[in-house]
Amino acid sequence: MTQGPAPRPLSDEALSNLLGKQQFGTLATVKRSGHPHLTTMLYSWDSEARIVRFSTTADRIKVGHLRRDPRASLHVQGGDVWSFAVAEGEAEVSEITTVPGDAVGRELLGMIRQAAKPEGEDAFLEQLVAERRVVIRLKVDRLYGTALDING
């Protein structure tokens, strides 16, 4: 193998921008055994609050993991196979949305990008209740990632 360029660390701003551009990443939670549990998730990044939000249902395995051990990480692929960002921190799980339009339902609605907002907002909020949706809020205390500058 030939010696190529070393990966360069991305700045906090570049990492935040990468998180803001993507919408899918791999969420890692900690299983009881200590091994990671990985799942691909749609997410919403709030750069000012440094919070990653995920929508999921209350019965998912990751929810149980986070209630037992709140440590979590989100891995996001960059624009090429040589770049990535990781957001680490402690997560909290909201209460289940139980009334269409309650605070959790509104938070879930707020996570949707403008272009994907549902036309029937009331029906959407009712669906969230029926699905027993919760918000996972990953409070990011560490961002890291790299890029590798390769031509060709």
N, C-alpha and C. Protein backbone atom coordinates (compact mmCIF):
# COMPACT_ATOMS: atom_id res chain seq x y z
N MET A 1 0.84 -1.18 0.00
CA MET A 1 0.00 0.00 0.00
C MET A 1 0.88 1.24 0.00
N THR A 2 0.44 2.25 -0.71
CA THR A 2 1.20 3.49 -0.73
C THR A 2 0.71 4.41 0.37
N GLN A 3 1.59 5.26 0.80
CA GLN A 3 1.26 6.22 1.84
C GLN A 3 0.52 7.39 1.21
N GLY A 4 -0.75 7.56 1.54
CA GLY A 4 -1.53 8.67 1.02
C GLY A 4 -1.68 9.76 2.05
N PRO A 5 -2.51 10.72 1.76
CA PRO A 5 -2.72 11.81 2.72
C PRO A 5 -3.43 11.29 3.97
N ALA A 6 -3.13 11.93 5.07
CA ALA A 6 -3.78 11.57 6.34
C ALA A 6 -5.16 12.23 6.40
N PRO A 7 -6.08 11.61 7.10
CA PRO A 7 -7.38 12.27 7.28
C PRO A 7 -7.19 13.58 8.04
N ARG A 8 -7.99 14.57 7.70
CA ARG A 8 -7.92 15.84 8.42
C ARG A 8 -9.16 15.98 9.29
N PRO A 9 -8.98 16.41 10.52
CA PRO A 9 -10.13 16.60 11.39
C PRO A 9 -10.99 17.76 10.87
N LEU A 10 -12.28 17.62 10.99
CA LEU A 10 -13.20 18.68 10.59
C LEU A 10 -13.44 19.63 11.77
N SER A 11 -13.60 20.89 11.47
CA SER A 11 -13.89 21.88 12.51
C SER A 11 -15.29 21.66 13.06
N ASP A 12 -15.55 22.23 14.21
CA ASP A 12 -16.88 22.13 14.82
C ASP A 12 -17.94 22.68 13.86
N GLU A 13 -17.63 23.77 13.19
CA GLU A 13 -18.56 24.37 12.23
C GLU A 13 -18.82 23.43 11.05
N ALA A 14 -17.76 22.82 10.52
CA ALA A 14 -17.92 21.89 9.40
C ALA A 14 -18.72 20.66 9.82
N LEU A 15 -18.48 20.18 11.03
CA LEU A 15 -19.23 19.03 11.54
C LEU A 15 -20.71 19.37 11.69
N SER A 16 -20.98 20.54 12.24
CA SER A 16 -22.36 20.98 12.41
C SER A 16 -23.05 21.14 11.06
N ASN A 17 -22.34 21.69 10.09
CA ASN A 17 -22.90 21.84 8.75
C ASN A 17 -23.21 20.49 8.12
N LEU A 18 -22.31 19.52 8.31
CA LEU A 18 -22.53 18.18 7.77
C LEU A 18 -23.79 17.57 8.40
N LEU A 19 -23.93 17.71 9.71
CA LEU A 19 -25.13 17.18 10.40
C LEU A 19 -26.39 17.86 9.87
N GLY A 20 -26.29 19.15 9.56
CA GLY A 20 -27.45 19.88 9.06
C GLY A 20 -27.83 19.52 7.63
N LYS A 21 -26.86 19.10 6.83
CA LYS A 21 -27.13 18.77 5.43
C LYS A 21 -27.74 17.38 5.28
N GLN A 22 -27.31 16.45 6.10
CA GLN A 22 -27.82 15.08 6.00
C GLN A 22 -29.14 14.96 6.75
N GLN A 23 -29.84 13.88 6.52
CA GLN A 23 -31.05 13.64 7.30
C GLN A 23 -31.14 12.21 7.83
N PHE A 24 -30.23 11.34 7.36
CA PHE A 24 -30.15 9.97 7.85
C PHE A 24 -28.79 9.72 8.47
N GLY A 25 -28.78 8.96 9.54
CA GLY A 25 -27.54 8.58 10.19
C GLY A 25 -27.74 7.29 10.94
N THR A 26 -26.68 6.80 11.55
CA THR A 26 -26.73 5.57 12.33
C THR A 26 -26.65 5.92 13.80
N LEU A 27 -27.72 5.61 14.52
CA LEU A 27 -27.79 5.85 15.96
C LEU A 27 -27.24 4.63 16.68
N ALA A 28 -26.31 4.87 17.60
CA ALA A 28 -25.75 3.79 18.42
C ALA A 28 -26.21 3.98 19.86
N THR A 29 -26.84 2.94 20.41
CA THR A 29 -27.20 2.90 21.82
C THR A 29 -26.45 1.73 22.45
N VAL A 30 -26.52 1.62 23.76
CA VAL A 30 -25.76 0.58 24.46
C VAL A 30 -26.70 -0.52 24.94
N LYS A 31 -26.44 -1.74 24.46
CA LYS A 31 -27.21 -2.90 24.91
C LYS A 31 -26.79 -3.28 26.33
N ARG A 32 -27.63 -4.06 26.98
CA ARG A 32 -27.34 -4.53 28.33
C ARG A 32 -25.98 -5.23 28.39
N SER A 33 -25.60 -5.92 27.32
CA SER A 33 -24.32 -6.63 27.25
C SER A 33 -23.13 -5.68 27.13
N GLY A 34 -23.40 -4.42 26.84
CA GLY A 34 -22.34 -3.44 26.63
C GLY A 34 -22.00 -3.25 25.16
N HIS A 35 -22.51 -4.12 24.30
CA HIS A 35 -22.29 -3.99 22.86
C HIS A 35 -23.16 -2.87 22.30
N PRO A 36 -22.73 -2.29 21.18
CA PRO A 36 -23.57 -1.26 20.57
C PRO A 36 -24.76 -1.87 19.83
N HIS A 37 -25.85 -1.15 19.86
CA HIS A 37 -27.04 -1.46 19.05
C HIS A 37 -27.10 -0.34 18.02
N LEU A 38 -27.06 -0.69 16.73
CA LEU A 38 -27.02 0.30 15.66
C LEU A 38 -28.30 0.26 14.86
N THR A 39 -28.80 1.44 14.53
CA THR A 39 -30.00 1.52 13.71
C THR A 39 -29.96 2.78 12.86
N THR A 40 -30.37 2.66 11.62
CA THR A 40 -30.43 3.82 10.73
C THR A 40 -31.66 4.64 11.10
N MET A 41 -31.46 5.94 11.25
CA MET A 41 -32.55 6.81 11.70
C MET A 41 -32.60 8.10 10.87
N LEU A 42 -33.80 8.57 10.66
CA LEU A 42 -34.04 9.93 10.17
C LEU A 42 -33.89 10.84 11.38
N TYR A 43 -33.25 11.97 11.21
CA TYR A 43 -33.03 12.85 12.37
C TYR A 43 -33.18 14.31 11.98
N SER A 44 -33.23 15.15 13.02
CA SER A 44 -33.29 16.60 12.85
C SER A 44 -32.21 17.20 13.75
N TRP A 45 -31.35 18.06 13.20
CA TRP A 45 -30.24 18.66 13.95
C TRP A 45 -30.56 20.10 14.27
N ASP A 46 -30.51 20.45 15.55
CA ASP A 46 -30.68 21.82 16.03
C ASP A 46 -29.29 22.30 16.44
N SER A 47 -28.63 23.03 15.54
CA SER A 47 -27.24 23.43 15.78
C SER A 47 -27.09 24.40 16.95
N GLU A 48 -28.06 25.28 17.14
CA GLU A 48 -27.96 26.26 18.22
C GLU A 48 -28.07 25.58 19.59
N ALA A 49 -29.01 24.66 19.74
CA ALA A 49 -29.19 23.96 21.01
C ALA A 49 -28.26 22.75 21.13
N ARG A 50 -27.62 22.37 20.01
CA ARG A 50 -26.77 21.17 19.94
C ARG A 50 -27.55 19.92 20.38
N ILE A 51 -28.72 19.77 19.77
CA ILE A 51 -29.58 18.62 20.05
C ILE A 51 -29.94 17.95 18.73
N VAL A 52 -29.79 16.62 18.70
CA VAL A 52 -30.27 15.81 17.59
C VAL A 52 -31.57 15.19 18.05
N ARG A 53 -32.62 15.33 17.23
CA ARG A 53 -33.92 14.75 17.57
C ARG A 53 -34.27 13.62 16.60
N PHE A 54 -34.87 12.58 17.18
CA PHE A 54 -35.32 11.43 16.42
C PHE A 54 -36.76 11.15 16.80
N SER A 55 -37.54 10.71 15.84
CA SER A 55 -38.91 10.25 16.09
C SER A 55 -38.89 8.73 16.07
N THR A 56 -39.52 8.12 17.06
CA THR A 56 -39.63 6.67 17.10
C THR A 56 -40.86 6.30 17.91
N THR A 57 -41.16 5.01 17.97
CA THR A 57 -42.30 4.57 18.76
C THR A 57 -41.81 4.07 20.12
N ALA A 58 -42.68 4.15 21.11
CA ALA A 58 -42.32 3.86 22.50
C ALA A 58 -41.86 2.42 22.71
N ASP A 59 -42.25 1.51 21.84
CA ASP A 59 -41.93 0.10 22.05
C ASP A 59 -40.62 -0.35 21.40
N ARG A 60 -39.87 0.54 20.82
CA ARG A 60 -38.63 0.18 20.14
C ARG A 60 -37.52 -0.16 21.14
N ILE A 61 -36.66 -1.08 20.72
CA ILE A 61 -35.57 -1.53 21.59
C ILE A 61 -34.67 -0.36 22.00
N LYS A 62 -34.39 0.54 21.07
CA LYS A 62 -33.50 1.65 21.38
C LYS A 62 -34.04 2.53 22.50
N VAL A 63 -35.35 2.63 22.61
CA VAL A 63 -35.96 3.43 23.68
C VAL A 63 -35.65 2.79 25.03
N GLY A 64 -35.79 1.48 25.12
CA GLY A 64 -35.44 0.77 26.35
C GLY A 64 -33.97 0.93 26.70
N HIS A 65 -33.11 0.83 25.69
CA HIS A 65 -31.67 1.01 25.92
C HIS A 65 -31.40 2.40 26.51
N LEU A 66 -31.99 3.42 25.92
CA LEU A 66 -31.71 4.80 26.35
C LEU A 66 -32.30 5.09 27.72
N ARG A 67 -33.40 4.48 28.07
CA ARG A 67 -33.96 4.68 29.41
C ARG A 67 -33.07 4.04 30.47
N ARG A 68 -32.39 2.96 30.10
CA ARG A 68 -31.49 2.29 31.02
C ARG A 68 -30.11 2.96 31.05
N ASP A 69 -29.61 3.36 29.88
CA ASP A 69 -28.29 3.96 29.74
C ASP A 69 -28.40 5.04 28.66
N PRO A 70 -28.36 6.31 29.04
CA PRO A 70 -28.63 7.38 28.07
C PRO A 70 -27.49 7.71 27.12
N ARG A 71 -26.36 7.04 27.24
CA ARG A 71 -25.24 7.34 26.34
C ARG A 71 -25.57 6.88 24.92
N ALA A 72 -25.30 7.77 23.96
CA ALA A 72 -25.62 7.46 22.56
C ALA A 72 -24.71 8.26 21.64
N SER A 73 -24.62 7.78 20.40
CA SER A 73 -23.85 8.46 19.36
C SER A 73 -24.62 8.37 18.05
N LEU A 74 -24.43 9.38 17.23
CA LEU A 74 -24.99 9.39 15.88
C LEU A 74 -23.83 9.51 14.90
N HIS A 75 -23.72 8.57 13.96
CA HIS A 75 -22.71 8.61 12.90
C HIS A 75 -23.41 9.04 11.62
N VAL A 76 -22.86 10.04 10.96
CA VAL A 76 -23.43 10.57 9.73
C VAL A 76 -22.35 10.56 8.66
N GLN A 77 -22.67 9.98 7.52
CA GLN A 77 -21.75 9.95 6.38
C GLN A 77 -21.69 11.32 5.74
N GLY A 78 -20.50 11.70 5.32
CA GLY A 78 -20.33 12.98 4.63
C GLY A 78 -20.73 12.87 3.17
N GLY A 79 -20.32 13.83 2.39
CA GLY A 79 -20.67 13.86 0.98
C GLY A 79 -19.92 12.83 0.14
N ASP A 80 -18.92 12.17 0.71
CA ASP A 80 -18.19 11.11 0.03
C ASP A 80 -17.88 10.03 1.07
N VAL A 81 -17.34 8.92 0.62
CA VAL A 81 -17.07 7.81 1.54
C VAL A 81 -15.92 8.09 2.50
N TRP A 82 -15.22 9.19 2.29
CA TRP A 82 -14.04 9.49 3.11
C TRP A 82 -14.32 10.49 4.22
N SER A 83 -15.55 10.96 4.36
CA SER A 83 -15.84 11.95 5.40
C SER A 83 -17.04 11.51 6.25
N PHE A 84 -17.01 11.94 7.50
CA PHE A 84 -18.08 11.58 8.43
C PHE A 84 -18.10 12.55 9.60
N ALA A 85 -19.20 12.52 10.33
CA ALA A 85 -19.33 13.25 11.60
C ALA A 85 -19.95 12.32 12.61
N VAL A 86 -19.54 12.48 13.85
CA VAL A 86 -20.14 11.74 14.97
C VAL A 86 -20.56 12.75 16.02
N ALA A 87 -21.79 12.61 16.50
CA ALA A 87 -22.32 13.43 17.59
C ALA A 87 -22.53 12.51 18.78
N GLU A 88 -21.87 12.81 19.89
CA GLU A 88 -21.97 12.00 21.09
C GLU A 88 -22.62 12.79 22.21
N GLY A 89 -23.30 12.08 23.09
CA GLY A 89 -23.86 12.74 24.25
C GLY A 89 -24.82 11.82 24.99
N GLU A 90 -25.64 12.45 25.81
CA GLU A 90 -26.66 11.70 26.55
C GLU A 90 -28.01 12.04 25.95
N ALA A 91 -28.84 11.01 25.86
CA ALA A 91 -30.16 11.17 25.26
C ALA A 91 -31.24 11.07 26.32
N GLU A 92 -32.33 11.73 26.03
CA GLU A 92 -33.52 11.58 26.87
C GLU A 92 -34.67 11.21 25.95
N VAL A 93 -35.62 10.48 26.50
CA VAL A 93 -36.79 10.06 25.74
C VAL A 93 -38.00 10.81 26.29
N SER A 94 -38.75 11.43 25.41
CA SER A 94 -39.94 12.18 25.84
C SER A 94 -41.03 11.23 26.31
N GLU A 95 -42.05 11.83 26.84
CA GLU A 95 -43.28 11.07 27.11
C GLU A 95 -43.90 10.72 25.77
N ILE A 96 -44.81 9.79 25.76
CA ILE A 96 -45.54 9.42 24.55
C ILE A 96 -46.55 10.53 24.23
N THR A 97 -46.67 10.88 22.96
CA THR A 97 -47.72 11.83 22.58
C THR A 97 -49.06 11.13 22.76
N THR A 98 -49.96 11.73 23.53
CA THR A 98 -51.23 11.07 23.86
C THR A 98 -52.46 11.84 23.40
N VAL A 99 -52.28 13.11 23.10
CA VAL A 99 -53.39 13.95 22.63
C VAL A 99 -52.92 14.66 21.37
N PRO A 100 -53.67 14.53 20.26
CA PRO A 100 -53.24 15.20 19.03
C PRO A 100 -52.97 16.69 19.28
N GLY A 101 -51.76 17.12 18.96
CA GLY A 101 -51.39 18.52 19.13
C GLY A 101 -50.75 18.84 20.47
N ASP A 102 -50.49 17.82 21.30
CA ASP A 102 -49.82 18.08 22.58
C ASP A 102 -48.37 18.50 22.31
N ALA A 103 -47.63 18.83 23.36
CA ALA A 103 -46.27 19.36 23.20
C ALA A 103 -45.37 18.38 22.45
N VAL A 104 -45.46 17.09 22.76
CA VAL A 104 -44.62 16.10 22.08
C VAL A 104 -45.01 16.01 20.61
N GLY A 105 -46.30 15.99 20.32
CA GLY A 105 -46.76 15.95 18.93
C GLY A 105 -46.29 17.16 18.14
N ARG A 106 -46.33 18.33 18.76
CA ARG A 106 -45.87 19.55 18.10
C ARG A 106 -44.36 19.51 17.86
N GLU A 107 -43.63 18.95 18.83
CA GLU A 107 -42.18 18.82 18.66
C GLU A 107 -41.88 17.87 17.49
N LEU A 108 -42.61 16.77 17.42
CA LEU A 108 -42.44 15.83 16.31
C LEU A 108 -42.76 16.50 14.98
N LEU A 109 -43.83 17.26 14.93
CA LEU A 109 -44.20 17.98 13.71
C LEU A 109 -43.11 18.98 13.33
N GLY A 110 -42.53 19.64 14.31
CA GLY A 110 -41.48 20.62 14.06
C GLY A 110 -40.19 20.03 13.53
N MET A 111 -40.02 18.74 13.69
CA MET A 111 -38.81 18.07 13.21
C MET A 111 -38.84 17.84 11.70
N ILE A 112 -39.99 17.91 11.09
CA ILE A 112 -40.14 17.60 9.67
C ILE A 112 -39.68 18.80 8.83
N ARG A 113 -38.84 18.51 7.86
CA ARG A 113 -38.38 19.58 6.96
C ARG A 113 -39.57 20.19 6.22
N GLN A 114 -39.49 21.46 5.93
CA GLN A 114 -40.60 22.21 5.34
C GLN A 114 -41.16 21.53 4.10
N ALA A 115 -40.29 21.03 3.25
CA ALA A 115 -40.73 20.41 1.99
C ALA A 115 -41.54 19.13 2.23
N ALA A 116 -41.39 18.53 3.39
CA ALA A 116 -42.07 17.26 3.67
C ALA A 116 -43.24 17.41 4.65
N LYS A 117 -43.58 18.64 5.00
CA LYS A 117 -44.68 18.86 5.95
C LYS A 117 -45.97 18.24 5.43
N PRO A 118 -46.71 17.55 6.30
CA PRO A 118 -47.97 16.93 5.86
C PRO A 118 -49.04 17.98 5.56
N GLU A 119 -49.87 17.69 4.56
CA GLU A 119 -50.96 18.61 4.23
C GLU A 119 -52.04 18.57 5.29
N GLY A 120 -52.39 17.39 5.76
CA GLY A 120 -53.41 17.24 6.79
C GLY A 120 -52.76 17.16 8.17
N GLU A 121 -52.44 18.32 8.73
CA GLU A 121 -51.73 18.37 10.01
C GLU A 121 -52.50 17.66 11.13
N ASP A 122 -53.80 17.87 11.21
CA ASP A 122 -54.60 17.24 12.27
C ASP A 122 -54.55 15.72 12.16
N ALA A 123 -54.69 15.20 10.95
CA ALA A 123 -54.62 13.75 10.74
C ALA A 123 -53.24 13.22 11.09
N PHE A 124 -52.22 13.99 10.76
CA PHE A 124 -50.85 13.58 11.08
C PHE A 124 -50.65 13.50 12.59
N LEU A 125 -51.12 14.50 13.32
CA LEU A 125 -50.99 14.50 14.78
C LEU A 125 -51.76 13.34 15.40
N GLU A 126 -52.91 13.00 14.85
CA GLU A 126 -53.67 11.84 15.32
C GLU A 126 -52.90 10.55 15.07
N GLN A 127 -52.24 10.47 13.92
CA GLN A 127 -51.45 9.29 13.58
C GLN A 127 -50.29 9.11 14.57
N LEU A 128 -49.65 10.21 14.96
CA LEU A 128 -48.55 10.15 15.93
C LEU A 128 -49.02 9.54 17.25
N VAL A 129 -50.22 9.92 17.68
CA VAL A 129 -50.81 9.38 18.91
C VAL A 129 -51.07 7.88 18.74
N ALA A 130 -51.68 7.51 17.62
CA ALA A 130 -52.00 6.11 17.37
C ALA A 130 -50.74 5.24 17.34
N GLU A 131 -49.63 5.79 16.85
CA GLU A 131 -48.38 5.06 16.76
C GLU A 131 -47.58 5.08 18.07
N ARG A 132 -48.05 5.85 19.06
CA ARG A 132 -47.36 5.97 20.35
C ARG A 132 -45.94 6.52 20.17
N ARG A 133 -45.86 7.63 19.45
CA ARG A 133 -44.57 8.24 19.12
C ARG A 133 -43.97 8.98 20.31
N VAL A 134 -42.63 8.97 20.34
CA VAL A 134 -41.85 9.73 21.30
C VAL A 134 -40.74 10.46 20.55
N VAL A 135 -40.11 11.40 21.23
CA VAL A 135 -38.94 12.10 20.69
C VAL A 135 -37.73 11.65 21.51
N ILE A 136 -36.69 11.25 20.81
CA ILE A 136 -35.39 11.04 21.45
C ILE A 136 -34.61 12.31 21.21
N ARG A 137 -34.11 12.89 22.30
CA ARG A 137 -33.31 14.12 22.20
C ARG A 137 -31.88 13.79 22.63
N LEU A 138 -30.96 13.79 21.69
CA LEU A 138 -29.55 13.54 21.97
C LEU A 138 -28.89 14.89 22.20
N LYS A 139 -28.50 15.14 23.45
CA LYS A 139 -27.83 16.39 23.81
C LYS A 139 -26.34 16.22 23.56
N VAL A 140 -25.87 16.85 22.50
CA VAL A 140 -24.52 16.62 22.00
C VAL A 140 -23.50 17.38 22.84
N ASP A 141 -22.54 16.63 23.41
CA ASP A 141 -21.46 17.28 24.13
C ASP A 141 -20.12 17.09 23.44
N ARG A 142 -20.10 16.28 22.38
CA ARG A 142 -18.86 16.10 21.62
C ARG A 142 -19.20 15.84 20.15
N LEU A 143 -18.53 16.57 19.28
CA LEU A 143 -18.61 16.34 17.83
C LEU A 143 -17.20 16.00 17.35
N TYR A 144 -17.11 15.01 16.49
CA TYR A 144 -15.83 14.74 15.86
C TYR A 144 -16.07 14.11 14.50
N GLY A 145 -15.06 14.14 13.68
CA GLY A 145 -15.14 13.55 12.34
C GLY A 145 -13.97 14.00 11.51
N THR A 146 -13.83 13.37 10.37
CA THR A 146 -12.71 13.68 9.51
C THR A 146 -13.13 13.69 8.05
N ALA A 147 -12.23 14.18 7.23
CA ALA A 147 -12.35 14.10 5.78
C ALA A 147 -11.00 13.66 5.25
N LEU A 148 -11.00 13.02 4.13
CA LEU A 148 -9.77 12.58 3.49
C LEU A 148 -9.75 13.18 2.10
N ASP A 149 -8.77 14.00 1.86
CA ASP A 149 -8.68 14.71 0.58
C ASP A 149 -7.94 13.84 -0.44
N ILE A 150 -8.71 13.18 -1.29
CA ILE A 150 -8.14 12.30 -2.31
C ILE A 150 -8.65 12.77 -3.66
N ASN A 151 -7.74 12.93 -4.60
CA ASN A 151 -8.13 13.28 -5.97
C ASN A 151 -8.41 12.03 -6.76
N GLY A 152 -9.51 12.05 -7.51
CA GLY A 152 -9.79 10.94 -8.39
C GLY A 152 -10.77 9.99 -7.93
